[in-house]
Each structure stands twice: as C-alpha cells, then as structure tokens.
Amino acid sequence: MPLSNRYAKLDAQFSFLVRSRAGWKCERCKTQYQPPTNALHCSHFWGRSNLKVRWDYDNANAHCYGDHQYFTSNPAEFTRWKRKQLGDKKFEDLNRRANWRTTKRTDVKLIALWLAQEMRMV
C-alpha cells in the first residue's frame, strides 16, 4: 500500500493540527481562512516521505496554495524562510532529525496515540 494511503488518517489529523496552531492563517502571507478549508495546506519543509519528521511540528507550516507552490518551486527561499522562522538552533536540530541514520522504524502506533491526544486538546 502506498505511504500516502497508509498514513492518510494521521496526515489529516496532523494537517488539521498544524493549520489550527496557525490560527487558520497562512504563515507566509498572513491571509486568514475560515475552517474547514482545503485552501490552506499543511506544508512540509522536509517532504512527507521522510517519516522521521513527517509529523514533526517544526517541519510543518500552514501555507496557502500559492505560497506552498512558491516554496516548492523555490527551495532556497524556503530554506531561508524556515531558518528565520525557527532560528538557527531549531533549524539545525530539525535537519539533524531529518537526516539521522537509523535502522529503527518510525513508531507509527505511538504517533497515532500522540495525534489522538493532540486532537482532543483542540
């Protein structure tokens, strides 16, 4: 089963949490949206295929469709923006987590429990 289907529920919960955390406002252009909406995306700095940071708040932002597309097409600009947003230390920590070499699998059951708890707090 493709990763996108296997983790669809977790991704939907995480996306909702990221967009809620941002107050349903694009974190780049500050456009406000009314929930629920698909016009505001959960944008990942490190792509969702990287399971080590797929559900990591530091790796995700709420971006409108246009800004999400812009950053996807301009990775150097996304890197500058993300570093400014997180600060140097948190940015480097995120990169270390994303590139950490391990033979351990991501504990998806633990992620599901964490997301369920986070959803109860919204």
Foldseek 3Di string as FASTA:
>chain_A
DDPCVVCVVLLVLLFVLQCVVVVCAAPPPRHHDDPPDPQWTWAFLPDCVQVLCNSPSLGTHTHGPVVSVVCVVPVVVVLVVSCVVLPPVVSVVVVCSSPPDDPDDDPVVVSVVVSVVSSVVD
